[in-house]
């Protein structure tokens, strides 16, 4: 893609997200979401491959449906209450419709079926943008909506953690595994969004860091399925040694950073007299942990056949920049000891 066109698309992504995050009017928020969607469509279709075109079409239709539902719900809210302010949603009908529309936009279960298929048809760079940056604008709206429908949000969150863990068990494609990982992490954020929005923000930021390091690791090794992970040791031995720590951090194991949001969310759910919800969420995290352990096993304890394709890559120097991978990797592994400072910064 032409560099000027690429810069224009990234500017559109930044502009659409900024408009949505800073707006308090539903029409401006909807406009930002539409700019955001239209900016990423050319990035998704730039390969001119049938799978990429199919993924782009699915993404466009899904986002158009969610945006139309959002606009209809905001107009209905203005008709019923006479106001367009995001933070003054009082009627339950448009509030529920908007929550479902935003759930469809970010891929919450049971409105998640488009996300694994779309992510599978994209390259890892565009998939990284779809899994991280595209979550910011819808989440800014979810954080502003008054918490008046707690049962729906808890149900969506628990369903997402269950589907995200269950759906990734039988996958061999890394992009689909990361898609189900995204669904599971979004479920954790939605469960606690009505009780402690600061924890949702913390979980979102932690998810962005961990997912970025995972995508960049697979991109560095040029891996798209589990079998290709076995040759990672010949390409980048040091990165292969640290990659299981990244994957286990995504699974939420201490003492890695991924344990931080799960720990605080379970603590908050217990404080809110929801022990059953906390137990179910913790049990569903074990499902996700299984396929992270499966990836770790394939990368470190499985050796590819000792042939030319497996042993030759170490002879060639990789031209990919390592700094964008090094920073999120360190953050993914080593942020847990400074939990009190992070929580104090988020709460202030």
Protein backbone atom coordinates (compact mmCIF):
# COMPACT_ATOMS: atom_id res chain seq x y z
CA UNK A 1 0.00 0.00 0.00
CA UNK A 2 1.15 3.52 -0.79
CA UNK A 3 2.75 5.15 2.30
CA UNK A 4 0.55 8.24 1.97
CA UNK A 5 -2.58 6.09 1.78
CA UNK A 6 -1.37 4.06 4.77
CA UNK A 7 -0.76 7.25 6.77
CA UNK A 8 -4.23 8.50 5.82
CA UNK A 9 -5.84 5.27 7.03
CA UNK A 10 -3.99 5.39 10.36
CA UNK A 11 -5.00 9.03 10.75
CA UNK A 12 -8.61 7.99 10.15
CA UNK A 13 -8.30 5.32 12.83
CA UNK A 14 -6.89 7.83 15.29
CA UNK A 15 -9.45 10.50 14.38
CA UNK A 16 -12.46 8.17 14.66
CA UNK A 17 -11.36 6.82 18.04
CA UNK A 18 -10.61 10.32 19.34
CA UNK A 19 -14.02 11.65 18.27
CA UNK A 20 -15.81 8.77 20.00
CA UNK A 21 -13.75 8.94 23.19
CA UNK A 22 -14.15 12.70 23.61
CA UNK A 23 -17.81 13.02 22.60
CA UNK A 24 -20.77 13.22 24.94
CA UNK A 25 -23.42 13.26 22.18
CA UNK A 26 -24.63 10.02 20.63
CA UNK A 27 -24.49 11.32 17.04
CA UNK A 28 -20.85 12.36 17.40
CA UNK A 29 -20.01 9.01 19.02
CA UNK A 30 -21.71 7.16 16.16
CA UNK A 31 -19.84 9.31 13.63
CA UNK A 32 -16.50 8.44 15.26
CA UNK A 33 -17.29 4.74 15.17
CA UNK A 34 -18.15 4.95 11.47
CA UNK A 35 -14.92 6.82 10.64
CA UNK A 36 -13.03 4.17 12.59
CA UNK A 37 -14.69 1.34 10.67
CA UNK A 38 -14.19 2.93 7.25
CA UNK A 39 -10.51 3.57 8.00
CA UNK A 40 -9.66 -0.04 8.81
CA UNK A 41 -11.55 -1.58 5.85
CA UNK A 42 -8.78 -0.77 3.28
CA UNK A 43 -6.13 -2.07 5.69
CA UNK A 44 -7.97 -5.37 5.98
CA UNK A 45 -8.43 -5.77 2.22
CA UNK A 46 -4.95 -4.66 1.13
CA UNK A 47 -3.74 -8.24 0.46
CA UNK A 48 -6.33 -8.78 -2.35
CA UNK A 49 -6.64 -12.38 -1.23
CA UNK A 50 -10.03 -14.16 -1.23
CA UNK A 51 -9.75 -14.88 2.52
CA UNK A 52 -8.91 -11.24 3.24
CA UNK A 53 -11.79 -9.98 1.10
CA UNK A 54 -14.18 -12.41 2.79
CA UNK A 55 -13.00 -11.30 6.24
CA UNK A 56 -13.36 -7.64 5.25
CA UNK A 57 -16.90 -8.19 3.99
CA UNK A 58 -17.91 -10.02 7.17
CA UNK A 59 -16.39 -7.29 9.31
CA UNK A 60 -18.10 -4.52 7.35
CA UNK A 61 -21.54 -6.15 7.53
CA UNK A 62 -21.17 -6.83 11.26
CA UNK A 63 -20.00 -3.33 12.08
CA UNK A 64 -22.71 -1.79 9.89
CA UNK A 65 -25.36 -3.81 11.75
CA UNK A 66 -23.97 -2.72 15.11
CA UNK A 67 -23.74 0.92 14.05
CA UNK A 68 -27.31 0.91 12.69
CA UNK A 69 -28.58 -0.61 15.94
CA UNK A 70 -26.63 1.98 17.94
CA UNK A 71 -28.05 4.84 15.90
CA UNK A 72 -31.58 3.47 16.16
CA UNK A 73 -31.23 3.05 19.93
CA UNK A 74 -29.88 6.58 20.40
CA UNK A 75 -32.74 8.04 18.32
CA UNK A 76 -35.21 5.97 20.36
CA UNK A 77 -33.65 7.29 23.55
CA UNK A 78 -33.94 10.87 22.28
CA UNK A 79 -37.59 10.23 21.37
CA UNK A 80 -38.42 8.75 24.78
CA UNK A 81 -36.40 11.04 27.05
CA UNK A 82 -35.70 14.14 24.95
CA UNK A 83 -31.92 14.13 25.38
CA UNK A 84 -28.85 12.86 23.47
CA UNK A 85 -26.26 12.83 26.27
CA UNK A 86 -24.38 9.54 26.66
CA UNK A 87 -24.13 9.79 30.44
CA UNK A 88 -27.85 10.47 30.91
CA UNK A 89 -29.28 7.21 29.60
CA UNK A 90 -32.37 6.59 31.75
CA UNK A 91 -34.75 4.42 29.73
CA UNK A 92 -33.99 0.66 29.91
CA UNK A 93 -35.00 -0.19 26.31
CA UNK A 94 -32.47 1.99 24.42
CA UNK A 95 -29.83 1.27 27.07
CA UNK A 96 -30.16 -2.47 26.50
CA UNK A 97 -30.07 -2.03 22.71
CA UNK A 98 -26.94 0.10 22.90
CA UNK A 99 -25.18 -2.41 25.18
CA UNK A 100 -25.98 -5.22 22.72
CA UNK A 101 -24.84 -3.11 19.76
CA UNK A 102 -21.50 -2.34 21.45
CA UNK A 103 -21.19 -6.02 22.43
CA UNK A 104 -21.56 -6.90 18.75
CA UNK A 105 -18.94 -4.32 17.83
CA UNK A 106 -16.25 -5.67 20.15
CA UNK A 107 -17.18 -9.35 19.82
CA UNK A 108 -18.75 -10.32 23.14
CA UNK A 109 -20.44 -13.72 23.30
CA UNK A 110 -23.02 -14.71 22.14
CA UNK A 111 -22.44 -12.02 19.47
CA UNK A 112 -18.88 -13.19 18.86
CA UNK A 113 -19.11 -15.55 15.89
CA UNK A 114 -17.70 -13.02 13.40
CA UNK A 115 -14.47 -12.34 15.31
CA UNK A 116 -12.54 -15.65 14.85
CA UNK A 117 -13.48 -15.86 11.17
CA UNK A 118 -12.49 -12.25 10.47
CA UNK A 119 -9.22 -12.48 12.38
CA UNK A 120 -8.27 -15.71 10.58
CA UNK A 121 -8.47 -13.95 7.20
CA UNK A 122 -6.13 -11.09 8.15
CA UNK A 123 -2.38 -10.82 8.51
CA UNK A 124 -0.93 -10.51 11.99
CA UNK A 125 -0.35 -6.75 11.81
CA UNK A 126 -3.93 -5.90 10.85
CA UNK A 127 -5.14 -8.52 13.32
CA UNK A 128 -3.20 -6.73 16.05
CA UNK A 129 -4.94 -3.45 15.21
CA UNK A 130 -8.34 -5.17 15.15
CA UNK A 131 -7.71 -6.87 18.52
CA UNK A 132 -6.35 -3.82 20.34
CA UNK A 133 -7.04 -0.37 18.90
CA UNK A 134 -10.54 -1.17 17.66
CA UNK A 135 -11.65 -2.00 21.22
CA UNK A 136 -10.95 1.47 22.59
CA UNK A 137 -13.86 3.44 21.10
CA UNK A 138 -16.66 0.97 22.02
CA UNK A 139 -15.23 0.54 25.51
CA UNK A 140 -15.18 4.30 26.05
CA UNK A 141 -18.94 4.30 25.39
CA UNK A 142 -19.56 1.29 27.65
CA UNK A 143 -17.69 3.06 30.45
CA UNK A 144 -19.88 6.16 30.09
CA UNK A 145 -23.26 4.41 30.05
CA UNK A 146 -24.88 4.38 33.53
CA UNK A 147 -24.93 0.90 35.09
CA UNK A 148 -28.66 0.25 35.07
CA UNK A 149 -28.74 -3.26 33.57
CA UNK A 150 -26.41 -5.27 35.80
CA UNK A 151 -27.84 -8.71 35.04
CA UNK A 152 -27.28 -8.29 31.29
CA UNK A 153 -23.67 -7.21 31.70
CA UNK A 154 -22.84 -10.04 34.11
CA UNK A 155 -24.52 -12.55 31.78
CA UNK A 156 -22.58 -11.24 28.77
CA UNK A 157 -19.34 -11.33 30.74
CA UNK A 158 -19.76 -14.88 32.03
CA UNK A 159 -20.87 -16.12 28.60
CA UNK A 160 -17.81 -14.52 27.00
CA UNK A 161 -15.37 -16.05 29.48
CA UNK A 162 -16.96 -19.48 28.95
CA UNK A 163 -17.13 -19.26 25.14
CA UNK A 164 -13.64 -17.74 24.93
CA UNK A 165 -12.18 -20.64 26.89
CA UNK A 166 -14.27 -23.39 25.36
CA UNK A 167 -13.93 -22.21 21.76
CA UNK A 168 -10.14 -22.09 21.80
CA UNK A 169 -9.61 -25.65 23.01
CA UNK A 170 -9.79 -27.35 19.62
CA UNK A 171 -8.09 -24.69 17.48
CA UNK A 172 -4.81 -25.09 15.62
CA UNK A 173 -4.66 -21.63 14.02
CA UNK A 174 -2.95 -19.02 16.18
CA UNK A 175 -5.15 -16.16 14.98
CA UNK A 176 -8.32 -18.01 15.97
CA UNK A 177 -6.80 -18.85 19.35
CA UNK A 178 -6.00 -15.18 19.90
CA UNK A 179 -9.56 -14.29 18.83
CA UNK A 180 -11.05 -16.58 21.49
CA UNK A 181 -8.50 -15.23 23.95
CA UNK A 182 -9.80 -11.75 23.16
CA UNK A 183 -13.40 -12.86 23.77
CA UNK A 184 -12.46 -14.34 27.16
CA UNK A 185 -10.56 -11.23 28.28
CA UNK A 186 -13.41 -8.96 27.19
CA UNK A 187 -15.74 -11.03 29.33
CA UNK A 188 -13.61 -10.31 32.42
CA UNK A 189 -13.77 -6.60 31.68
CA UNK A 190 -17.54 -6.57 31.17
CA UNK A 191 -18.25 -8.48 34.41
CA UNK A 192 -16.78 -5.73 36.58
CA UNK A 193 -17.57 -2.66 34.46
CA UNK A 194 -20.64 -1.68 36.50
CA UNK A 195 -18.99 -2.13 39.89
CA UNK A 196 -15.51 -0.69 39.33
CA UNK A 197 -14.94 1.05 35.97
CA UNK A 198 -11.33 1.75 36.95
CA UNK A 199 -10.71 -2.02 37.12
CA UNK A 200 -12.19 -2.42 33.65
CA UNK A 201 -9.82 0.26 32.37
CA UNK A 202 -6.89 -1.47 34.08
CA UNK A 203 -7.90 -4.85 32.61
CA UNK A 204 -8.24 -3.27 29.15
CA UNK A 205 -4.78 -1.69 29.30
CA UNK A 206 -3.25 -4.94 30.55
CA UNK A 207 -5.01 -6.85 27.76
CA UNK A 208 -3.67 -4.42 25.15
CA UNK A 209 -0.09 -4.91 26.36
CA UNK A 210 -0.30 -8.72 26.57
CA UNK A 211 -2.06 -9.13 23.22
CA UNK A 212 0.42 -6.80 21.52
CA UNK A 213 3.35 -8.86 22.78
CA UNK A 214 1.69 -12.12 21.67
CA UNK A 215 0.90 -10.85 18.16
CA UNK A 216 4.36 -9.33 17.73
CA UNK A 217 6.00 -12.57 18.90
CA UNK A 218 4.10 -14.62 16.33
CA UNK A 219 4.81 -12.01 13.67
CA UNK A 220 8.53 -12.05 14.53
CA UNK A 221 8.57 -15.84 14.06
CA UNK A 222 6.21 -15.71 11.07
CA UNK A 223 3.99 -18.31 12.77
CA UNK A 224 0.32 -18.76 11.93
CA UNK A 225 -0.41 -22.24 13.33
CA UNK A 226 0.70 -24.42 16.21
CA UNK A 227 2.94 -26.67 14.09
CA UNK A 228 5.03 -23.72 12.92
CA UNK A 229 5.84 -22.84 16.53
CA UNK A 230 8.16 -25.85 16.73
CA UNK A 231 10.71 -24.14 14.47
CA UNK A 232 10.88 -20.99 16.60
CA UNK A 233 13.98 -22.19 18.47
CA UNK A 234 16.00 -22.12 15.25
CA UNK A 235 14.95 -18.56 14.42
CA UNK A 236 14.94 -16.74 17.77
CA UNK A 237 16.13 -18.86 20.71
CA UNK A 238 15.88 -16.08 23.30
CA UNK A 239 12.38 -15.08 22.20
CA UNK A 240 11.36 -18.75 22.26
CA UNK A 241 12.48 -18.92 25.89
CA UNK A 242 10.40 -15.88 26.89
CA UNK A 243 7.32 -16.65 24.79
CA UNK A 244 5.86 -19.20 27.29
CA UNK A 245 5.97 -16.47 29.93
CA UNK A 246 3.94 -14.22 27.61
CA UNK A 247 1.40 -16.99 27.00
CA UNK A 248 1.12 -17.87 30.69
CA UNK A 249 0.65 -14.19 31.47
CA UNK A 250 -2.26 -14.18 29.03
CA UNK A 251 -3.60 -17.16 30.95
CA UNK A 252 -3.45 -15.21 34.20
CA UNK A 253 -0.84 -17.17 36.13
CA UNK A 254 1.14 -15.47 38.90
CA UNK A 255 3.71 -13.96 39.14
CA UNK A 256 3.16 -12.55 35.63
CA UNK A 257 1.25 -9.38 34.80
CA UNK A 258 -1.83 -11.23 33.54
CA UNK A 259 -2.69 -12.28 37.09
CA UNK A 260 -3.14 -8.62 38.09
CA UNK A 261 -6.57 -7.84 36.52
CA UNK A 262 -8.05 -11.27 37.34
CA UNK A 263 -6.93 -10.99 40.95
CA UNK A 264 -8.45 -7.53 41.41
CA UNK A 265 -11.65 -8.41 39.53
CA UNK A 266 -12.27 -11.51 41.64
CA UNK A 267 -11.63 -9.45 44.76
CA UNK A 268 -14.13 -6.81 43.62
CA UNK A 269 -16.79 -9.41 42.78
CA UNK A 270 -16.38 -10.88 46.26
CA UNK A 271 -16.80 -7.43 47.80
CA UNK A 272 -20.02 -6.99 45.78
CA UNK A 273 -21.49 -10.16 47.34
CA UNK A 274 -21.17 -12.13 44.09
CA UNK A 275 -19.12 -15.17 45.12
CA UNK A 276 -20.85 -17.50 42.64
CA UNK A 277 -20.01 -15.17 39.74
CA UNK A 278 -16.38 -15.00 40.89
CA UNK A 279 -16.11 -18.79 41.16
CA UNK A 280 -17.62 -19.37 37.68
CA UNK A 281 -15.30 -16.75 36.14
CA UNK A 282 -12.27 -18.29 37.83
CA UNK A 283 -13.22 -21.78 36.60
CA UNK A 284 -13.71 -20.58 33.03
CA UNK A 285 -10.20 -19.08 33.16
CA UNK A 286 -8.88 -22.66 33.47
CA UNK A 287 -10.23 -23.41 30.00
CA UNK A 288 -8.21 -20.56 28.52
CA UNK A 289 -5.17 -21.62 30.49
CA UNK A 290 -5.27 -25.05 28.81
CA UNK A 291 -4.72 -23.77 25.28
CA UNK A 292 -2.06 -21.30 26.46
CA UNK A 293 -0.22 -24.25 28.00
CA UNK A 294 -0.71 -26.10 24.73
CA UNK A 295 0.98 -23.27 22.82
CA UNK A 296 3.79 -23.12 25.38
CA UNK A 297 4.35 -26.85 25.03
CA UNK A 298 4.42 -26.67 21.23
CA UNK A 299 6.94 -23.82 21.29
CA UNK A 300 9.41 -25.05 23.91
CA UNK A 301 9.07 -28.82 24.39
CA UNK A 302 8.44 -29.85 20.78
CA UNK A 303 11.30 -29.98 18.29
CA UNK A 304 10.81 -29.92 14.56
CA UNK A 305 12.58 -32.52 12.38
CA UNK A 306 16.30 -31.81 12.07
CA UNK A 307 16.22 -30.86 8.43
CA UNK A 308 17.40 -27.89 6.38
CA UNK A 309 14.21 -25.90 6.89
CA UNK A 310 14.50 -26.32 10.66
CA UNK A 311 18.19 -25.58 11.16
CA UNK A 312 18.97 -23.01 8.50
CA UNK A 313 17.09 -19.93 9.79
CA UNK A 314 19.64 -19.17 12.52
CA UNK A 315 22.19 -18.41 9.82
CA UNK A 316 20.20 -15.43 8.55
CA UNK A 317 19.79 -12.17 10.44
CA UNK A 318 16.23 -11.02 11.00
CA UNK A 319 15.50 -7.51 9.73
CA UNK A 320 12.46 -6.90 11.94
CA UNK A 321 12.76 -4.19 14.64
CA UNK A 322 12.90 -5.69 18.12
CA UNK A 323 12.08 -2.64 20.27
CA UNK A 324 8.30 -2.71 19.62
CA UNK A 325 8.35 -6.33 20.82
CA UNK A 326 10.74 -5.88 23.75
CA UNK A 327 8.74 -3.19 25.56
CA UNK A 328 5.34 -4.98 25.74
CA UNK A 329 7.11 -8.28 26.50
CA UNK A 330 8.79 -6.83 29.59
CA UNK A 331 5.51 -5.22 30.66
CA UNK A 332 3.63 -8.49 30.08
CA UNK A 333 5.95 -10.41 32.38
CA UNK A 334 7.08 -8.01 35.12
CA UNK A 335 4.34 -5.56 36.15
CA UNK A 336 2.73 -7.60 38.95
CA UNK A 337 5.07 -6.42 41.79
CA UNK A 338 4.00 -2.81 41.26
CA UNK A 339 0.27 -3.61 41.55
CA UNK A 340 -0.33 -1.10 44.41
CA UNK A 341 1.17 1.74 42.39
CA UNK A 342 -0.86 0.83 39.29
CA UNK A 343 -4.15 0.59 41.21
CA UNK A 344 -3.47 3.90 42.95
CA UNK A 345 -2.74 5.55 39.60
CA UNK A 346 -5.92 4.15 38.01
CA UNK A 347 -8.12 5.07 40.98
CA UNK A 348 -6.85 8.65 41.29
